[in-house]
Each structure stands twice: as structure tokens, then as C-alpha cells.
Amino acid sequence: MSEIIKLLDKNSAVEAVRKLGEDDLRFLNRLIIERLKLIHQARATNALAKFSAGDRVSFEDNTGGRLSGIVTRLNKKSVTVIADGGAQWNVAPRMLKLEGRAWGEAQRV
């Protein structure tokens, strides 16, 4: 960026962006995308940390029905659950409700 601009609020940010050239806008875009990815990754890691293999959970399937099952694996962005009927589901952690802890596991907050 050719000139130093102090960002005080959204309006000054908008004004600063309007003054940027194409190369600076592409650079800023890359920075923003990297930051958003980092925020989403932190949020997913936080949500995954609430569960362990063996935990009993419930969730809604894509038809609105409620299913229960056991966590078998924590993936990078999802939790693998074996439903009571035997079907395997990969579920976003934010969609899961903890019903019970794995055997012998202490309660986490």
C-alpha cells in the first residue's frame, strides 16, 4: 500500500479500500481469506474438543428425525457417529448434542 492509513471505523476502512489499486486489493483479499480460514479452523477445533470417542450423542438427520449414537472418531471438521440403527454418519460438531460421556471419562466443561 502506497500510503499509510489509520483505520478507526468501518467508514474509514471503506474509504481506504476505495483508494487501493488492484495489486493492493488482491493482497488484502489474500490476508482476509487467510484470517477467515484461521477463525473457522479455531471454531471447528473448539467444537470438536467437546467430544471424545465413545461419547453418546444425538443429532437431527436431513429429514428432521432425531438420531442417537456413539462417537467413533473425531475427524478434522466432523465427528463420525455410529447411529443406534448401525448407520455411519459424519456430522458437524455444532449439530451434535452430548447425551453422555464415554465410560470412565471425567465430565468436561
PDB file of N, CA and C in Angstrom:
ATOM      1  N   MET A   1       0.839  -1.166   0.000  1.00  0.00           N
ATOM      2  CA  MET A   1       0.000   0.000   0.000  1.00  0.00           C
ATOM      3  C   MET A   1       0.887   1.232   0.000  1.00  0.00           C
ATOM      4  N   SER A   2       0.585   2.129  -0.857  1.00  0.00           N
ATOM      5  CA  SER A   2       1.455   3.280  -1.047  1.00  0.00           C
ATOM      6  C   SER A   2       1.341   4.320   0.057  1.00  0.00           C
ATOM      7  N   GLU A   3       0.187   4.476   0.646  1.00  0.00           N
ATOM      8  CA  GLU A   3       0.071   5.444   1.736  1.00  0.00           C
ATOM      9  C   GLU A   3      -0.429   4.746   2.991  1.00  0.00           C
ATOM     10  N   ILE A   4       0.037   5.225   4.131  1.00  0.00           N
ATOM     11  CA  ILE A   4      -0.348   4.634   5.408  1.00  0.00           C
ATOM     12  C   ILE A   4      -1.670   5.259   5.840  1.00  0.00           C
ATOM     13  N   ILE A   5      -2.637   4.379   6.138  1.00  0.00           N
ATOM     14  CA  ILE A   5      -3.969   4.838   6.512  1.00  0.00           C
ATOM     15  C   ILE A   5      -4.328   4.203   7.848  1.00  0.00           C
ATOM     16  N   LYS A   6      -4.722   5.015   8.795  1.00  0.00           N
ATOM     17  CA  LYS A   6      -5.149   4.522  10.096  1.00  0.00           C
ATOM     18  C   LYS A   6      -6.643   4.219  10.027  1.00  0.00           C
ATOM     19  N   LEU A   7      -7.011   2.948  10.351  1.00  0.00           N
ATOM     20  CA  LEU A   7      -8.416   2.544  10.312  1.00  0.00           C
ATOM     21  C   LEU A   7      -9.046   2.757  11.683  1.00  0.00           C
ATOM     22  N   LEU A   8     -10.016   3.625  11.753  1.00  0.00           N
ATOM     23  CA  LEU A   8     -10.694   3.915  13.018  1.00  0.00           C
ATOM     24  C   LEU A   8     -12.053   3.252  13.115  1.00  0.00           C
ATOM     25  N   ASP A   9     -12.713   3.113  11.995  1.00  0.00           N
ATOM     26  CA  ASP A   9     -14.038   2.514  11.991  1.00  0.00           C
ATOM     27  C   ASP A   9     -14.325   1.947  10.599  1.00  0.00           C
ATOM     28  N   LYS A  10     -15.491   1.396  10.417  1.00  0.00           N
ATOM     29  CA  LYS A  10     -15.852   0.782   9.132  1.00  0.00           C
ATOM     30  C   LYS A  10     -15.860   1.802   7.999  1.00  0.00           C
ATOM     31  N   ASN A  11     -16.335   2.998   8.275  1.00  0.00           N
ATOM     32  CA  ASN A  11     -16.383   4.022   7.226  1.00  0.00           C
ATOM     33  C   ASN A  11     -14.992   4.382   6.720  1.00  0.00           C
ATOM     34  N   SER A  12     -14.029   4.511   7.650  1.00  0.00           N
ATOM     35  CA  SER A  12     -12.674   4.828   7.205  1.00  0.00           C
ATOM     36  C   SER A  12     -12.050   3.636   6.483  1.00  0.00           C
ATOM     37  N   ALA A  13     -12.427   2.408   6.874  1.00  0.00           N
ATOM     38  CA  ALA A  13     -11.948   1.212   6.166  1.00  0.00           C
ATOM     39  C   ALA A  13     -12.475   1.209   4.732  1.00  0.00           C
ATOM     40  N   VAL A  14     -13.750   1.515   4.556  1.00  0.00           N
ATOM     41  CA  VAL A  14     -14.343   1.580   3.223  1.00  0.00           C
ATOM     42  C   VAL A  14     -13.627   2.627   2.387  1.00  0.00           C
ATOM     43  N   GLU A  15     -13.364   3.763   2.973  1.00  0.00           N
ATOM     44  CA  GLU A  15     -12.672   4.842   2.255  1.00  0.00           C
ATOM     45  C   GLU A  15     -11.256   4.409   1.871  1.00  0.00           C
ATOM     46  N   ALA A  16     -10.587   3.715   2.775  1.00  0.00           N
ATOM     47  CA  ALA A  16      -9.230   3.248   2.488  1.00  0.00           C
ATOM     48  C   ALA A  16      -9.236   2.236   1.348  1.00  0.00           C
ATOM     49  N   VAL A  17     -10.191   1.321   1.340  1.00  0.00           N
ATOM     50  CA  VAL A  17     -10.283   0.307   0.286  1.00  0.00           C
ATOM     51  C   VAL A  17     -10.547   0.970  -1.064  1.00  0.00           C
ATOM     52  N   ARG A  18     -11.322   1.998  -1.086  1.00  0.00           N
ATOM     53  CA  ARG A  18     -11.622   2.694  -2.343  1.00  0.00           C
ATOM     54  C   ARG A  18     -10.377   3.319  -2.969  1.00  0.00           C
ATOM     55  N   LYS A  19      -9.376   3.607  -2.144  1.00  0.00           N
ATOM     56  CA  LYS A  19      -8.157   4.233  -2.640  1.00  0.00           C
ATOM     57  C   LYS A  19      -7.108   3.220  -3.116  1.00  0.00           C
ATOM     58  N   LEU A  20      -7.350   1.921  -2.867  1.00  0.00           N
ATOM     59  CA  LEU A  20      -6.365   0.903  -3.208  1.00  0.00           C
ATOM     60  C   LEU A  20      -6.415   0.528  -4.687  1.00  0.00           C
ATOM     61  N   GLY A  21      -5.242   0.178  -5.209  1.00  0.00           N
ATOM     62  CA  GLY A  21      -5.151  -0.325  -6.571  1.00  0.00           C
ATOM     63  C   GLY A  21      -5.408  -1.823  -6.603  1.00  0.00           C
ATOM     64  N   GLU A  22      -5.394  -2.389  -7.796  1.00  0.00           N
ATOM     65  CA  GLU A  22      -5.711  -3.810  -7.970  1.00  0.00           C
ATOM     66  C   GLU A  22      -4.746  -4.716  -7.220  1.00  0.00           C
ATOM     67  N   ASP A  23      -3.441  -4.475  -7.308  1.00  0.00           N
ATOM     68  CA  ASP A  23      -2.464  -5.324  -6.616  1.00  0.00           C
ATOM     69  C   ASP A  23      -2.663  -5.287  -5.104  1.00  0.00           C
ATOM     70  N   ASP A  24      -2.891  -4.099  -4.573  1.00  0.00           N
ATOM     71  CA  ASP A  24      -3.119  -3.971  -3.135  1.00  0.00           C
ATOM     72  C   ASP A  24      -4.423  -4.650  -2.710  1.00  0.00           C
ATOM     73  N   LEU A  25      -5.442  -4.559  -3.539  1.00  0.00           N
ATOM     74  CA  LEU A  25      -6.718  -5.223  -3.235  1.00  0.00           C
ATOM     75  C   LEU A  25      -6.555  -6.735  -3.230  1.00  0.00           C
ATOM     76  N   ARG A  26      -5.801  -7.279  -4.181  1.00  0.00           N
ATOM     77  CA  ARG A  26      -5.557  -8.736  -4.208  1.00  0.00           C
ATOM     78  C   ARG A  26      -4.790  -9.177  -2.964  1.00  0.00           C
ATOM     79  N   PHE A  27      -3.797  -8.390  -2.568  1.00  0.00           N
ATOM     80  CA  PHE A  27      -3.032  -8.684  -1.363  1.00  0.00           C
ATOM     81  C   PHE A  27      -3.940  -8.667  -0.131  1.00  0.00           C
ATOM     82  N   LEU A  28      -4.751  -7.646  -0.014  1.00  0.00           N
ATOM     83  CA  LEU A  28      -5.684  -7.526   1.106  1.00  0.00           C
ATOM     84  C   LEU A  28      -6.677  -8.694   1.115  1.00  0.00           C
ATOM     85  N   ASN A  29      -7.140  -9.076  -0.061  1.00  0.00           N
ATOM     86  CA  ASN A  29      -8.061 -10.206  -0.183  1.00  0.00           C
ATOM     87  C   ASN A  29      -7.421 -11.489   0.354  1.00  0.00           C
ATOM     88  N   ARG A  30      -6.166 -11.748  -0.010  1.00  0.00           N
ATOM     89  CA  ARG A  30      -5.473 -12.943   0.495  1.00  0.00           C
ATOM     90  C   ARG A  30      -5.363 -12.914   2.021  1.00  0.00           C
ATOM     91  N   LEU A  31      -5.034 -11.741   2.569  1.00  0.00           N
ATOM     92  CA  LEU A  31      -4.936 -11.614   4.029  1.00  0.00           C
ATOM     93  C   LEU A  31      -6.268 -11.913   4.710  1.00  0.00           C
ATOM     94  N   ILE A  32      -7.330 -11.375   4.150  1.00  0.00           N
ATOM     95  CA  ILE A  32      -8.665 -11.577   4.730  1.00  0.00           C
ATOM     96  C   ILE A  32      -9.067 -13.041   4.661  1.00  0.00           C
ATOM     97  N   ILE A  33      -8.830 -13.686   3.530  1.00  0.00           N
ATOM     98  CA  ILE A  33      -9.180 -15.102   3.385  1.00  0.00           C
ATOM     99  C   ILE A  33      -8.391 -15.954   4.374  1.00  0.00           C
ATOM    100  N   GLU A  34      -7.092 -15.687   4.524  1.00  0.00           N
ATOM    101  CA  GLU A  34      -6.279 -16.433   5.486  1.00  0.00           C
ATOM    102  C   GLU A  34      -6.811 -16.249   6.905  1.00  0.00           C
ATOM    103  N   ARG A  35      -7.179 -15.039   7.242  1.00  0.00           N
ATOM    104  CA  ARG A  35      -7.705 -14.755   8.588  1.00  0.00           C
ATOM    105  C   ARG A  35      -9.028 -15.472   8.833  1.00  0.00           C
ATOM    106  N   LEU A  36      -9.917 -15.457   7.837  1.00  0.00           N
ATOM    107  CA  LEU A  36     -11.204 -16.148   7.973  1.00  0.00           C
ATOM    108  C   LEU A  36     -11.014 -17.656   8.122  1.00  0.00           C
ATOM    109  N   LYS A  37     -10.089 -18.222   7.358  1.00  0.00           N
ATOM    110  CA  LYS A  37      -9.807 -19.660   7.478  1.00  0.00           C
ATOM    111  C   LYS A  37      -9.307 -19.992   8.874  1.00  0.00           C
ATOM    112  N   LEU A  38      -8.436 -19.144   9.413  1.00  0.00           N
ATOM    113  CA  LEU A  38      -7.919 -19.359  10.754  1.00  0.00           C
ATOM    114  C   LEU A  38      -9.029 -19.298  11.802  1.00  0.00           C
ATOM    115  N   ILE A  39      -9.921 -18.338  11.667  1.00  0.00           N
ATOM    116  CA  ILE A  39     -11.051 -18.207  12.597  1.00  0.00           C
ATOM    117  C   ILE A  39     -11.953 -19.437  12.517  1.00  0.00           C
ATOM    118  N   HIS A  40     -12.275 -19.889  11.303  1.00  0.00           N
ATOM    119  CA  HIS A  40     -13.141 -21.065  11.133  1.00  0.00           C
ATOM    120  C   HIS A  40     -12.474 -22.317  11.674  1.00  0.00           C
ATOM    121  N   GLN A  41     -11.177 -22.457  11.455  1.00  0.00           N
ATOM    122  CA  GLN A  41     -10.455 -23.619  11.956  1.00  0.00           C
ATOM    123  C   GLN A  41     -10.451 -23.632  13.484  1.00  0.00           C
ATOM    124  N   ALA A  42     -10.245 -22.485  14.095  1.00  0.00           N
ATOM    125  CA  ALA A  42     -10.261 -22.400  15.559  1.00  0.00           C
ATOM    126  C   ALA A  42     -11.640 -22.748  16.105  1.00  0.00           C
ATOM    127  N   ARG A  43     -12.673 -22.268  15.434  1.00  0.00           N
ATOM    128  CA  ARG A  43     -14.048 -22.558  15.863  1.00  0.00           C
ATOM    129  C   ARG A  43     -14.334 -24.066  15.764  1.00  0.00           C
ATOM    130  N   ALA A  44     -13.901 -24.694  14.661  1.00  0.00           N
ATOM    131  CA  ALA A  44     -14.129 -26.135  14.478  1.00  0.00           C
ATOM    132  C   ALA A  44     -13.353 -26.940  15.511  1.00  0.00           C
ATOM    133  N   THR A  45     -12.120 -26.548  15.782  1.00  0.00           N
ATOM    134  CA  THR A  45     -11.305 -27.246  16.778  1.00  0.00           C
ATOM    135  C   THR A  45     -11.945 -27.135  18.156  1.00  0.00           C
ATOM    136  N   ASN A  46     -12.457 -25.968  18.469  1.00  0.00           N
ATOM    137  CA  ASN A  46     -13.142 -25.750  19.745  1.00  0.00           C
ATOM    138  C   ASN A  46     -14.365 -26.650  19.868  1.00  0.00           C
ATOM    139  N   ALA A  47     -15.154 -26.733  18.817  1.00  0.00           N
ATOM    140  CA  ALA A  47     -16.360 -27.564  18.835  1.00  0.00           C
ATOM    141  C   ALA A  47     -15.998 -29.041  18.946  1.00  0.00           C
ATOM    142  N   LEU A  48     -14.956 -29.471  18.247  1.00  0.00           N
ATOM    143  CA  LEU A  48     -14.535 -30.880  18.299  1.00  0.00           C
ATOM    144  C   LEU A  48     -14.026 -31.262  19.687  1.00  0.00           C
ATOM    145  N   ALA A  49     -13.416 -30.315  20.386  1.00  0.00           N
ATOM    146  CA  ALA A  49     -12.829 -30.597  21.698  1.00  0.00           C
ATOM    147  C   ALA A  49     -13.878 -30.983  22.739  1.00  0.00           C
ATOM    148  N   LYS A  50     -15.137 -30.745  22.460  1.00  0.00           N
ATOM    149  CA  LYS A  50     -16.211 -31.066  23.406  1.00  0.00           C
ATOM    150  C   LYS A  50     -16.566 -32.553  23.396  1.00  0.00           C
ATOM    151  N   PHE A  51     -16.038 -33.301  22.420  1.00  0.00           N
ATOM    152  CA  PHE A  51     -16.423 -34.705  22.249  1.00  0.00           C
ATOM    153  C   PHE A  51     -15.209 -35.619  22.283  1.00  0.00           C
ATOM    154  N   SER A  52     -15.460 -36.873  22.660  1.00  0.00           N
ATOM    155  CA  SER A  52     -14.440 -37.925  22.659  1.00  0.00           C
ATOM    156  C   SER A  52     -15.056 -39.183  22.073  1.00  0.00           C
ATOM    157  N   ALA A  53     -14.203 -40.051  21.546  1.00  0.00           N
ATOM    158  CA  ALA A  53     -14.673 -41.350  21.069  1.00  0.00           C
ATOM    159  C   ALA A  53     -15.364 -42.066  22.225  1.00  0.00           C
ATOM    160  N   GLY A  54     -16.517 -42.638  21.956  1.00  0.00           N
ATOM    161  CA  GLY A  54     -17.285 -43.341  22.973  1.00  0.00           C
ATOM    162  C   GLY A  54     -18.412 -42.516  23.575  1.00  0.00           C
ATOM    163  N   ASP A  55     -18.394 -41.210  23.364  1.00  0.00           N
ATOM    164  CA  ASP A  55     -19.476 -40.360  23.876  1.00  0.00           C
ATOM    165  C   ASP A  55     -20.787 -40.699  23.183  1.00  0.00           C
ATOM    166  N   ARG A  56     -21.866 -40.612  23.940  1.00  0.00           N
ATOM    167  CA  ARG A  56     -23.195 -40.805  23.370  1.00  0.00           C
ATOM    168  C   ARG A  56     -23.730 -39.433  22.974  1.00  0.00           C
ATOM    169  N   VAL A  57     -24.185 -39.329  21.718  1.00  0.00           N
ATOM    170  CA  VAL A  57     -24.664 -38.055  21.188  1.00  0.00           C
ATOM    171  C   VAL A  57     -25.986 -38.254  20.454  1.00  0.00           C
ATOM    172  N   SER A  58     -26.663 -37.140  20.194  1.00  0.00           N
ATOM    173  CA  SER A  58     -27.845 -37.171  19.340  1.00  0.00           C
ATOM    174  C   SER A  58     -27.740 -36.016  18.359  1.00  0.00           C
ATOM    175  N   PHE A  59     -28.463 -36.144  17.246  1.00  0.00           N
ATOM    176  CA  PHE A  59     -28.452 -35.118  16.207  1.00  0.00           C
ATOM    177  C   PHE A  59     -29.669 -35.313  15.325  1.00  0.00           C
ATOM    178  N   GLU A  60     -29.956 -34.286  14.534  1.00  0.00           N
ATOM    179  CA  GLU A  60     -31.059 -34.349  13.573  1.00  0.00           C
ATOM    180  C   GLU A  60     -30.528 -34.791  12.230  1.00  0.00           C
ATOM    181  N   ASP A  61     -31.214 -35.763  11.592  1.00  0.00           N
ATOM    182  CA  ASP A  61     -30.807 -36.150  10.241  1.00  0.00           C
ATOM    183  C   ASP A  61     -31.378 -35.150   9.238  1.00  0.00           C
ATOM    184  N   ASN A  62     -31.135 -35.375   7.953  1.00  0.00           N
ATOM    185  CA  ASN A  62     -31.557 -34.400   6.941  1.00  0.00           C
ATOM    186  C   ASN A  62     -33.064 -34.381   6.692  1.00  0.00           C
ATOM    187  N   THR A  63     -33.816 -35.276   7.331  1.00  0.00           N
ATOM    188  CA  THR A  63     -35.275 -35.238   7.208  1.00  0.00           C
ATOM    189  C   THR A  63     -35.931 -34.657   8.457  1.00  0.00           C
ATOM    190  N   GLY A  64     -35.092 -34.270   9.448  1.00  0.00           N
ATOM    191  CA  GLY A  64     -35.622 -33.697  10.673  1.00  0.00           C
ATOM    192  C   GLY A  64     -35.813 -34.709  11.779  1.00  0.00           C
ATOM    193  N   GLY A  65     -35.536 -35.982  11.510  1.00  0.00           N
ATOM    194  CA  GLY A  65     -35.654 -37.008  12.536  1.00  0.00           C
ATOM    195  C   GLY A  65     -34.482 -36.965  13.499  1.00  0.00           C
ATOM    196  N   ARG A  66     -34.746 -37.327  14.742  1.00  0.00           N
ATOM    197  CA  ARG A  66     -33.699 -37.308  15.769  1.00  0.00           C
ATOM    198  C   ARG A  66     -33.040 -38.679  15.822  1.00  0.00           C
ATOM    199  N   LEU A  67     -31.708 -38.704  15.725  1.00  0.00           N
ATOM    200  CA  LEU A  67     -30.940 -39.946  15.819  1.00  0.00           C
ATOM    201  C   LEU A  67     -29.994 -39.876  16.998  1.00  0.00           C
ATOM    202  N   SER A  68     -29.712 -41.027  17.584  1.00  0.00           N
ATOM    203  CA  SER A  68     -28.739 -41.131  18.661  1.00  0.00           C
ATOM    204  C   SER A  68     -27.686 -42.140  18.266  1.00  0.00           C
ATOM    205  N   GLY A  69     -26.505 -41.977  18.819  1.00  0.00           N
ATOM    206  CA  GLY A  69     -25.442 -42.918  18.510  1.00  0.00           C
ATOM    207  C   GLY A  69     -24.209 -42.657  19.342  1.00  0.00           C
ATOM    208  N   ILE A  70     -23.131 -43.335  18.953  1.00  0.00           N
ATOM    209  CA  ILE A  70     -21.868 -43.273  19.678  1.00  0.00           C
ATOM    210  C   ILE A  70     -20.807 -42.662  18.770  1.00  0.00           C
ATOM    211  N   VAL A  71     -20.026 -41.730  19.325  1.00  0.00           N
ATOM    212  CA  VAL A  71     -18.913 -41.144  18.593  1.00  0.00           C
ATOM    213  C   VAL A  71     -17.838 -42.211  18.435  1.00  0.00           C
ATOM    214  N   THR A  72     -17.408 -42.442  17.185  1.00  0.00           N
ATOM    215  CA  THR A  72     -16.347 -43.417  16.953  1.00  0.00           C
ATOM    216  C   THR A  72     -15.043 -42.766  16.545  1.00  0.00           C
ATOM    217  N   ARG A  73     -15.132 -41.537  16.013  1.00  0.00           N
ATOM    218  CA  ARG A  73     -13.913 -40.882  15.548  1.00  0.00           C
ATOM    219  C   ARG A  73     -14.128 -39.372  15.446  1.00  0.00           C
ATOM    220  N   LEU A  74     -13.077 -38.625  15.779  1.00  0.00           N
ATOM    221  CA  LEU A  74     -13.067 -37.183  15.572  1.00  0.00           C
ATOM    222  C   LEU A  74     -12.222 -36.905  14.339  1.00  0.00           C
ATOM    223  N   ASN A  75     -12.841 -36.369  13.310  1.00  0.00           N
ATOM    224  CA  ASN A  75     -12.160 -36.042  12.070  1.00  0.00           C
ATOM    225  C   ASN A  75     -11.704 -34.584  12.125  1.00  0.00           C
ATOM    226  N   LYS A  76     -11.137 -34.090  11.040  1.00  0.00           N
ATOM    227  CA  LYS A  76     -10.649 -32.715  11.017  1.00  0.00           C
ATOM    228  C   LYS A  76     -11.781 -31.705  11.175  1.00  0.00           C
ATOM    229  N   LYS A  77     -12.920 -31.937  10.478  1.00  0.00           N
ATOM    230  CA  LYS A  77     -14.035 -30.983  10.524  1.00  0.00           C
ATOM    231  C   LYS A  77     -15.353 -31.611  10.950  1.00  0.00           C
ATOM    232  N   SER A  78     -15.370 -32.904  11.185  1.00  0.00           N
ATOM    233  CA  SER A  78     -16.621 -33.579  11.525  1.00  0.00           C
ATOM    234  C   SER A  78     -16.367 -34.660  12.565  1.00  0.00           C
ATOM    235  N   VAL A  79     -17.462 -35.227  13.042  1.00  0.00           N
ATOM    236  CA  VAL A  79     -17.427 -36.308  14.017  1.00  0.00           C
ATOM    237  C   VAL A  79     -18.126 -37.504  13.387  1.00  0.00           C
ATOM    238  N   THR A  80     -17.466 -38.659  13.414  1.00  0.00           N
ATOM    239  CA  THR A  80     -18.091 -39.874  12.898  1.00  0.00           C
ATOM    240  C   THR A  80     -18.906 -40.506  14.020  1.00  0.00           C
ATOM    241  N   VAL A  81     -20.180 -40.759  13.713  1.00  0.00           N
ATOM    242  CA  VAL A  81     -21.115 -41.324  14.692  1.00  0.00           C
ATOM    243  C   VAL A  81     -21.722 -42.584  14.102  1.00  0.00           C
ATOM    244  N   ILE A  82     -21.756 -43.643  14.889  1.00  0.00           N
ATOM    245  CA  ILE A  82     -22.499 -44.845  14.510  1.00  0.00           C
ATOM    246  C   ILE A  82     -23.842 -44.758  15.221  1.00  0.00           C
ATOM    247  N   ALA A  83     -24.890 -44.593  14.418  1.00  0.00           N
ATOM    248  CA  ALA A  83     -26.239 -44.455  14.975  1.00  0.00           C
ATOM    249  C   ALA A  83     -26.689 -45.786  15.565  1.00  0.00           C
ATOM    250  N   ASP A  84     -27.696 -45.713  16.422  1.00  0.00           N
ATOM    251  CA  ASP A  84     -28.216 -46.919  17.062  1.00  0.00           C
ATOM    252  C   ASP A  84     -28.656 -47.960  16.046  1.00  0.00           C
ATOM    253  N   GLY A  85     -29.103 -47.537  14.882  1.00  0.00           N
ATOM    254  CA  GLY A  85     -29.514 -48.464  13.828  1.00  0.00           C
ATOM    255  C   GLY A  85     -28.354 -49.066  13.056  1.00  0.00           C
ATOM    256  N   GLY A  86     -27.126 -48.618  13.321  1.00  0.00           N
ATOM    257  CA  GLY A  86     -25.949 -49.169  12.673  1.00  0.00           C
ATOM    258  C   GLY A  86     -25.389 -48.318  11.537  1.00  0.00           C
ATOM    259  N   ALA A  87     -26.126 -47.306  11.113  1.00  0.00           N
ATOM    260  CA  ALA A  87     -25.652 -46.450  10.024  1.00  0.00           C
ATOM    261  C   ALA A  87     -24.542 -45.531  10.527  1.00  0.00           C
ATOM    262  N   GLN A  88     -23.580 -45.253   9.651  1.00  0.00           N
ATOM    263  CA  GLN A  88     -22.483 -44.344   9.990  1.00  0.00           C
ATOM    264  C   GLN A  88     -22.782 -42.964   9.432  1.00  0.00           C
ATOM    265  N   TRP A  89     -22.586 -41.949  10.262  1.00  0.00           N
ATOM    266  CA  TRP A  89     -22.824 -40.562   9.873  1.00  0.00           C
ATOM    267  C   TRP A  89     -21.590 -39.734  10.173  1.00  0.00           C
ATOM    268  N   ASN A  90     -21.257 -38.800   9.286  1.00  0.00           N
ATOM    269  CA  ASN A  90     -20.254 -37.771   9.568  1.00  0.00           C
ATOM    270  C   ASN A  90     -21.029 -36.486   9.816  1.00  0.00           C
ATOM    271  N   VAL A  91     -20.920 -35.970  11.035  1.00  0.00           N
ATOM    272  CA  VAL A  91     -21.769 -34.866  11.475  1.00  0.00           C
ATOM    273  C   VAL A  91     -20.894 -33.692  11.923  1.00  0.00           C
ATOM    274  N   ALA A  92     -21.298 -32.485  11.557  1.00  0.00           N
ATOM    275  CA  ALA A  92     -20.613 -31.292  12.052  1.00  0.00           C
ATOM    276  C   ALA A  92     -20.791 -31.234  13.564  1.00  0.00           C
ATOM    277  N   PRO A  93     -19.732 -30.949  14.317  1.00  0.00           N
ATOM    278  CA  PRO A  93     -19.844 -30.964  15.780  1.00  0.00           C
ATOM    279  C   PRO A  93     -20.891 -30.007  16.328  1.00  0.00           C
ATOM    280  N   ARG A  94     -21.151 -28.908  15.641  1.00  0.00           N
ATOM    281  CA  ARG A  94     -22.153 -27.953  16.138  1.00  0.00           C
ATOM    282  C   ARG A  94     -23.570 -28.526  16.055  1.00  0.00           C
ATOM    283  N   MET A  95     -23.754 -29.606  15.299  1.00  0.00           N
ATOM    284  CA  MET A  95     -25.064 -30.233  15.151  1.00  0.00           C
ATOM    285  C   MET A  95     -25.315 -31.320  16.212  1.00  0.00           C
ATOM    286  N   LEU A  96     -24.285 -31.656  16.975  1.00  0.00           N
ATOM    287  CA  LEU A  96     -24.388 -32.737  17.950  1.00  0.00           C
ATOM    288  C   LEU A  96     -24.792 -32.223  19.331  1.00  0.00           C
ATOM    289  N   LYS A  97     -25.553 -33.048  20.015  1.00  0.00           N
ATOM    290  CA  LYS A  97     -25.905 -32.776  21.417  1.00  0.00           C
ATOM    291  C   LYS A  97     -25.341 -33.930  22.233  1.00  0.00           C
ATOM    292  N   LEU A  98     -24.537 -33.604  23.218  1.00  0.00           N
ATOM    293  CA  LEU A  98     -23.940 -34.620  24.081  1.00  0.00           C
ATOM    294  C   LEU A  98     -25.008 -35.203  24.989  1.00  0.00           C
ATOM    295  N   GLU A  99     -25.152 -36.517  24.947  1.00  0.00           N
ATOM    296  CA  GLU A  99     -26.140 -37.207  25.789  1.00  0.00           C
ATOM    297  C   GLU A  99     -25.465 -37.904  26.968  1.00  0.00           C
ATOM    298  N   GLY A 100     -24.217 -38.324  26.789  1.00  0.00           N
ATOM    299  CA  GLY A 100     -23.500 -38.997  27.869  1.00  0.00           C
ATOM    300  C   GLY A 100     -22.030 -39.159  27.524  1.00  0.00           C
ATOM    301  N   ARG A 101     -21.207 -39.170  28.541  1.00  0.00           N
ATOM    302  CA  ARG A 101     -19.768 -39.303  28.375  1.00  0.00           C
ATOM    303  C   ARG A 101     -19.371 -40.744  28.134  1.00  0.00           C
ATOM    304  N   ALA A 102     -18.210 -40.896  27.516  1.00  0.00           N
ATOM    305  CA  ALA A 102     -17.630 -42.226  27.331  1.00  0.00           C
ATOM    306  C   ALA A 102     -17.385 -42.844  28.703  1.00  0.00           C
ATOM    307  N   TRP A 103     -17.422 -44.161  28.763  1.00  0.00           N
ATOM    308  CA  TRP A 103     -17.221 -44.853  30.027  1.00  0.00           C
ATOM    309  C   TRP A 103     -15.902 -44.451  30.651  1.00  0.00           C
ATOM    310  N   GLY A 104     -15.931 -44.088  31.931  1.00  0.00           N
ATOM    311  CA  GLY A 104     -14.728 -43.762  32.671  1.00  0.00           C
ATOM    312  C   GLY A 104     -14.180 -42.374  32.407  1.00  0.00           C
ATOM    313  N   GLU A 105     -14.840 -41.592  31.593  1.00  0.00           N
ATOM    314  CA  GLU A 105     -14.340 -40.264  31.251  1.00  0.00           C
ATOM    315  C   GLU A 105     -14.904 -39.232  32.217  1.00  0.00           C
ATOM    316  N   ALA A 106     -14.053 -38.358  32.695  1.00  0.00           N
ATOM    317  CA  ALA A 106     -14.492 -37.295  33.611  1.00  0.00           C
ATOM    318  C   ALA A 106     -15.306 -36.268  32.865  1.00  0.00           C
ATOM    319  N   GLN A 107     -16.198 -35.607  33.562  1.00  0.00           N
ATOM    320  CA  GLN A 107     -17.030 -34.554  32.966  1.00  0.00           C
ATOM    321  C   GLN A 107     -16.167 -33.376  32.576  1.00  0.00           C
ATOM    322  N   ARG A 108     -16.316 -32.874  31.321  1.00  0.00           N
ATOM    323  CA  ARG A 108     -15.587 -31.699  30.852  1.00  0.00           C
ATOM    324  C   ARG A 108     -16.561 -30.541  30.772  1.00  0.00           C
ATOM    325  N   VAL A 109     -16.030 -29.364  30.972  1.00  0.00           N
ATOM    326  CA  VAL A 109     -16.866 -28.165  30.882  1.00  0.00           C
ATOM    327  C   VAL A 109     -16.642 -27.484  29.565  1.00  0.00           C
TER     328      VAL A 109
END
